[in-house]
Protein backbone atom coordinates (compact mmCIF):
# COMPACT_ATOMS: atom_id res chain seq x y z
CA MET A 1 -0.08 0.00 -0.11
CA LYS A 2 1.25 3.24 -0.80
CA ILE A 3 0.01 6.73 0.54
CA ILE A 4 -0.44 9.72 -1.82
CA GLN A 5 -1.06 13.02 -0.77
CA ARG A 6 -3.07 14.83 -3.63
CA SER A 7 -2.73 18.72 -4.69
CA ASP A 8 -6.15 19.22 -2.24
CA GLY A 9 -4.27 18.03 0.75
CA LYS A 10 -6.28 14.74 0.75
CA PHE A 11 -4.34 11.47 1.54
CA PHE A 12 -5.42 8.29 -0.07
CA ALA A 13 -4.32 4.56 -0.29
CA THR A 14 -2.89 2.99 -3.24
CA TYR A 15 -3.68 -0.70 -3.94
CA THR A 16 -0.53 -2.98 -4.28
CA THR A 17 0.58 -6.48 -3.49
CA ARG A 18 2.92 -5.80 -1.12
CA THR A 19 1.18 -7.46 1.84
CA LYS A 20 -2.17 -9.21 2.43
CA PHE A 21 -2.60 -6.77 5.12
CA GLY A 22 -1.88 -3.76 2.85
CA ASP A 23 -4.32 -5.29 0.45
CA TRP A 24 -7.09 -5.87 2.80
CA MET A 25 -6.48 -2.14 4.28
CA ALA A 26 -6.46 -0.65 0.76
CA GLN A 27 -9.53 -2.67 -0.38
CA ASN A 28 -11.57 -1.50 2.60
CA LEU A 29 -10.63 1.91 2.21
CA PHE A 30 -11.62 2.12 -1.38
CA ARG A 31 -14.84 0.09 -0.32
CA THR A 32 -16.03 2.93 2.18
CA GLY A 33 -14.54 6.02 0.22
CA MET A 34 -13.06 6.92 3.45
CA THR A 35 -9.95 9.22 3.37
CA LEU A 36 -6.76 8.62 5.64
CA ARG A 37 -7.78 11.72 7.47
CA GLU A 38 -10.77 10.36 8.15
CA VAL A 39 -9.37 7.11 9.56
CA ALA A 40 -6.97 9.20 11.67
CA GLU A 41 -9.94 10.83 13.43
CA LYS A 42 -11.39 7.62 14.22
CA LEU A 43 -8.04 6.25 15.85
CA HIS A 44 -6.03 8.66 17.70
CA VAL A 45 -2.43 7.25 18.51
CA GLY A 46 -0.14 9.57 19.89
CA ARG A 47 3.23 7.70 19.95
CA VAL A 48 0.87 4.97 20.71
CA SER A 49 -1.57 5.92 23.71
CA ILE A 50 -4.91 4.83 22.25
CA SER A 51 -7.87 7.34 23.03
CA MET A 52 -10.37 6.37 20.59
CA HIS A 53 -11.50 3.45 18.21
CA LEU A 54 -11.64 2.46 14.60
CA ASN A 55 -14.77 1.36 12.75
CA GLY A 56 -16.77 2.06 15.78
CA ARG A 57 -14.81 -0.41 17.88
CA HIS A 58 -14.24 0.60 21.43
CA ASN A 59 -10.78 -0.96 22.87
CA PRO A 60 -8.60 -0.94 19.72
CA THR A 61 -7.23 -4.25 18.74
CA PHE A 62 -3.64 -4.72 18.02
CA ARG A 63 -4.58 -5.02 14.28
CA ASP A 64 -6.21 -1.62 14.25
CA VAL A 65 -2.79 -0.17 15.94
CA VAL A 66 -1.19 -1.83 13.04
CA ALA A 67 -3.62 -0.43 10.57
CA TYR A 68 -3.20 3.06 11.81
CA CYS A 69 0.64 2.77 11.72
CA TRP A 70 0.92 1.32 8.03
CA LEU A 71 -1.53 3.87 6.72
CA PHE A 72 0.56 6.83 7.52
CA GLY A 73 3.84 4.35 6.81
CA ASN A 74 5.67 5.45 10.18
CA ILE A 75 6.09 1.69 10.93
CA ASP A 76 6.65 -1.19 8.88
CA ASP A 77 7.05 -3.76 11.37
CA PRO A 78 4.01 -4.91 13.84
CA ASN A 79 6.79 -6.11 16.15
CA ASP A 80 7.82 -2.58 16.57
CA ILE A 81 4.34 -1.40 17.32
CA TYR A 82 4.10 -3.96 19.98
CA LYS A 83 7.12 -3.02 21.77
CA LEU A 84 5.79 0.80 21.67
CA VAL A 85 2.49 -0.31 22.97
CA LYS A 86 4.55 -2.26 25.97
CA GLU A 87 6.46 0.82 26.71
CA GLU A 88 3.56 3.03 27.00
CA SER A 89 1.52 0.61 29.39
């Protein structure tokens, strides 16, 4: 999945076959028409303290955190996210 920022400032995910998870996220974004900014508004992760939920889910799952981090391209390895979560808790 690749993140594209258009000239109007909106962010979108492009479809790639890099990972099955990336494919799943890209397909879901395209199906719902959600922008990355809208996803970010639903799940707030500040270095990884989770204060809100994604797709109506309270208590975000590990998969939700991975989705958020992957969408913004700042963490490639799920294990890195797990380590950050452990540090924050």
